[in-house]
Amino acid sequence: MEDIIVESIQIMGHNVYYIPRESFDEGDMVFGEYSKSSFNSEYLIEAYLSNVTGHEGQGDFFSKFGLEIRDSSNFIISRRSFVRHLPTTMRHRPQEGDLIYVPVFHKMFEIKFVEQELMFHSLGKRLPYVYEMRCEAFRFSEEEIDTGVSEIDDVAAENSYTVKL
């Protein structure tokens, strides 16, 4: 069953970059922010975009703070591919706060929630075959993004608010 799931994600999915967050503090648990974090490595992995008709979420709207873009997307990756591409010393599963860069869209997404029991009733409760990652468009703050892939670093430089002098 797992072989079929992995093969279907490879056929119908896209190659995306998984960018793990390296945080140097415990973070603010109230706002969910990390004041000292960076993204220094990337891993190419295949993922299936489950909402293919467009971005979900609240969309674009004006608030008293200005224009807010709240696009969200759901990505599905197989457990076997995740373990194969990422070192187990770093991550055993996708984690909230990590980034996904989709080269086809030239967009960066932040993982907000990882669903591990996606096919609970059909496959039973054991190790998950897939992880569904609910993601929102990444809002840049003071994170340092230096992965070594020029396409990712250029998108980060265009959308960040801070300039290193």
Protein backbone atom coordinates (compact mmCIF):
# COMPACT_ATOMS: atom_id res chain seq x y z
CA MET A 1 0.00 0.00 0.00
CA GLU A 2 2.81 2.38 0.85
CA ASP A 3 4.49 1.74 -2.52
CA ILE A 4 1.30 2.76 -4.34
CA ILE A 5 0.96 5.93 -2.26
CA VAL A 6 4.58 6.94 -2.89
CA GLU A 7 4.26 6.28 -6.61
CA SER A 8 1.03 8.25 -6.93
CA ILE A 9 2.57 11.26 -5.15
CA GLN A 10 5.57 11.06 -7.50
CA ILE A 11 3.31 10.94 -10.58
CA MET A 12 0.73 13.56 -9.60
CA GLY A 13 2.84 15.79 -7.36
CA HIS A 14 5.53 18.43 -7.69
CA ASN A 15 9.09 18.64 -6.50
CA VAL A 16 9.23 21.12 -3.64
CA TYR A 17 11.97 22.28 -1.31
CA TYR A 18 11.51 21.46 2.36
CA ILE A 19 13.37 24.06 4.45
CA PRO A 20 13.69 23.21 8.15
CA ARG A 21 13.74 26.01 10.72
CA GLU A 22 16.77 26.24 12.94
CA SER A 23 15.75 28.21 16.00
CA PHE A 24 18.13 29.44 18.62
CA ASP A 25 15.55 30.28 21.29
CA GLU A 26 12.41 28.73 22.70
CA GLY A 27 10.18 31.21 20.93
CA ASP A 28 7.14 33.13 22.06
CA MET A 29 4.40 30.62 22.86
CA VAL A 30 1.69 33.32 22.89
CA PHE A 31 2.30 34.65 19.37
CA GLY A 32 4.06 31.58 17.96
CA GLU A 33 7.11 33.57 16.85
CA TYR A 34 10.81 32.89 17.05
CA SER A 35 13.02 35.93 17.46
CA LYS A 36 16.23 34.17 16.49
CA SER A 37 15.77 31.64 13.73
CA SER A 38 17.32 30.90 10.39
CA PHE A 39 16.83 28.64 7.40
CA ASN A 40 20.17 27.32 6.17
CA SER A 41 19.41 24.01 4.49
CA GLU A 42 16.98 22.69 1.91
CA TYR A 43 15.87 19.25 0.80
CA LEU A 44 14.16 18.44 -2.50
CA ILE A 45 11.15 16.22 -1.91
CA GLU A 46 8.03 15.30 -3.88
CA ALA A 47 4.70 16.58 -2.59
CA TYR A 48 1.12 16.45 -3.76
CA LEU A 49 -0.89 19.68 -3.69
CA SER A 50 -4.31 18.55 -2.50
CA ASN A 51 -6.20 21.76 -3.34
CA VAL A 52 -5.49 22.10 -7.04
CA THR A 53 -8.29 24.56 -7.88
CA GLY A 54 -6.57 27.44 -6.09
CA HIS A 55 -5.51 28.73 -2.72
CA GLU A 56 -7.87 28.28 0.16
CA GLY A 57 -8.09 30.38 3.29
CA GLN A 58 -9.43 33.86 3.89
CA GLY A 59 -7.86 35.28 0.75
CA ASP A 60 -6.79 38.90 0.39
CA PHE A 61 -8.40 41.59 2.51
CA PHE A 62 -7.74 45.04 3.88
CA SER A 63 -7.57 45.48 7.61
CA LYS A 64 -6.59 48.38 9.81
CA PHE A 65 -2.99 47.17 9.43
CA GLY A 66 -3.07 47.23 5.62
CA LEU A 67 -3.34 44.52 2.98
CA GLU A 68 -3.18 40.99 4.35
CA ILE A 69 -2.79 37.98 2.11
CA ARG A 70 -3.88 34.77 3.77
CA ASP A 71 -3.50 32.13 1.11
CA SER A 72 -3.36 28.57 2.39
CA SER A 73 -2.57 25.28 0.70
CA ASN A 74 -2.42 21.66 1.76
CA PHE A 75 0.56 19.53 0.77
CA ILE A 76 0.76 15.76 1.16
CA ILE A 77 4.11 14.00 1.40
CA SER A 78 4.82 10.35 2.05
CA ARG A 79 6.52 9.26 5.25
CA ARG A 80 8.98 7.10 3.33
CA SER A 81 10.11 9.98 1.10
CA PHE A 82 10.47 12.29 4.08
CA VAL A 83 12.64 9.82 5.97
CA ARG A 84 14.69 9.07 2.82
CA HIS A 85 15.46 12.71 1.96
CA LEU A 86 15.93 14.28 5.41
CA PRO A 87 18.50 13.09 7.93
CA THR A 88 16.82 11.47 10.93
CA THR A 89 19.10 13.42 13.24
CA MET A 90 17.27 16.57 12.13
CA ARG A 91 13.60 15.59 11.82
CA HIS A 92 11.49 12.46 12.18
CA ARG A 93 8.40 14.16 10.73
CA PRO A 94 7.52 17.56 9.24
CA GLN A 95 7.24 20.20 11.93
CA GLU A 96 5.25 23.35 12.33
CA GLY A 97 7.27 26.45 11.50
CA ASP A 98 9.27 24.84 8.70
CA LEU A 99 8.99 26.19 5.17
CA ILE A 100 8.01 24.73 1.81
CA TYR A 101 9.13 26.45 -1.37
CA VAL A 102 7.21 25.55 -4.54
CA PRO A 103 9.32 26.40 -7.62
CA VAL A 104 6.29 26.18 -9.95
CA PHE A 105 4.49 28.99 -8.06
CA HIS A 106 7.63 30.86 -6.90
CA LYS A 107 5.96 31.00 -3.47
CA MET A 108 7.06 30.14 0.02
CA PHE A 109 4.67 28.52 2.50
CA GLU A 110 4.99 28.03 6.26
CA ILE A 111 3.70 24.80 7.81
CA LYS A 112 1.01 25.64 10.36
CA PHE A 113 -0.25 22.14 11.19
CA VAL A 114 0.78 18.59 10.33
CA GLU A 115 -2.02 16.02 10.15
CA GLN A 116 -0.71 12.52 10.81
CA GLU A 117 -4.01 10.62 10.77
CA LEU A 118 -5.17 11.53 7.27
CA MET A 119 -6.33 8.05 6.20
CA PHE A 120 -7.22 6.81 9.67
CA HIS A 121 -10.31 4.78 8.81
CA SER A 122 -9.13 3.18 5.58
CA LEU A 123 -5.62 2.15 6.66
CA GLY A 124 -5.90 1.73 10.41
CA LYS A 125 -4.08 3.47 13.22
CA ARG A 126 -0.37 2.75 12.92
CA LEU A 127 2.60 4.63 11.50
CA PRO A 128 1.23 7.13 9.00
CA TYR A 129 1.88 6.55 5.32
CA VAL A 130 1.45 10.25 4.53
CA TYR A 131 1.61 13.60 6.27
CA GLU A 132 -0.80 16.36 5.28
CA MET A 133 0.72 19.76 5.91
CA ARG A 134 -1.64 22.70 6.20
CA CYS A 135 0.35 25.72 5.12
CA GLU A 136 -0.11 29.47 4.79
CA ALA A 137 1.82 31.94 2.69
CA PHE A 138 5.00 32.76 4.58
CA ARG A 139 5.21 36.21 6.15
CA PHE A 140 8.80 37.31 6.32
CA SER A 141 10.10 39.00 9.44
CA GLU A 142 13.69 38.88 10.66
CA GLU A 143 14.51 35.32 9.64
CA GLU A 144 17.75 34.70 7.84
CA ILE A 145 17.31 32.57 4.73
CA ASP A 146 20.52 31.32 3.17
CA THR A 147 19.97 27.87 1.69
CA GLY A 148 22.50 28.03 -1.12
CA VAL A 149 19.78 27.68 -3.78
CA SER A 150 19.68 31.01 -5.60
CA GLU A 151 15.99 30.72 -6.51
CA ILE A 152 14.94 30.36 -2.87
CA ASP A 153 17.31 33.03 -1.61
CA ASP A 154 16.14 35.48 -4.31
CA VAL A 155 12.48 35.04 -3.33
CA ALA A 156 13.44 35.59 0.30
CA ALA A 157 15.43 38.73 -0.55
CA GLU A 158 12.55 40.17 -2.60
CA ASN A 159 9.91 39.62 0.09
CA SER A 160 11.84 40.36 3.28
CA TYR A 161 11.51 43.64 5.10
CA THR A 162 14.99 43.82 6.53
CA VAL A 163 18.20 44.59 4.73
CA LYS A 164 21.52 43.42 6.07
CA LEU A 165 24.11 46.21 5.85
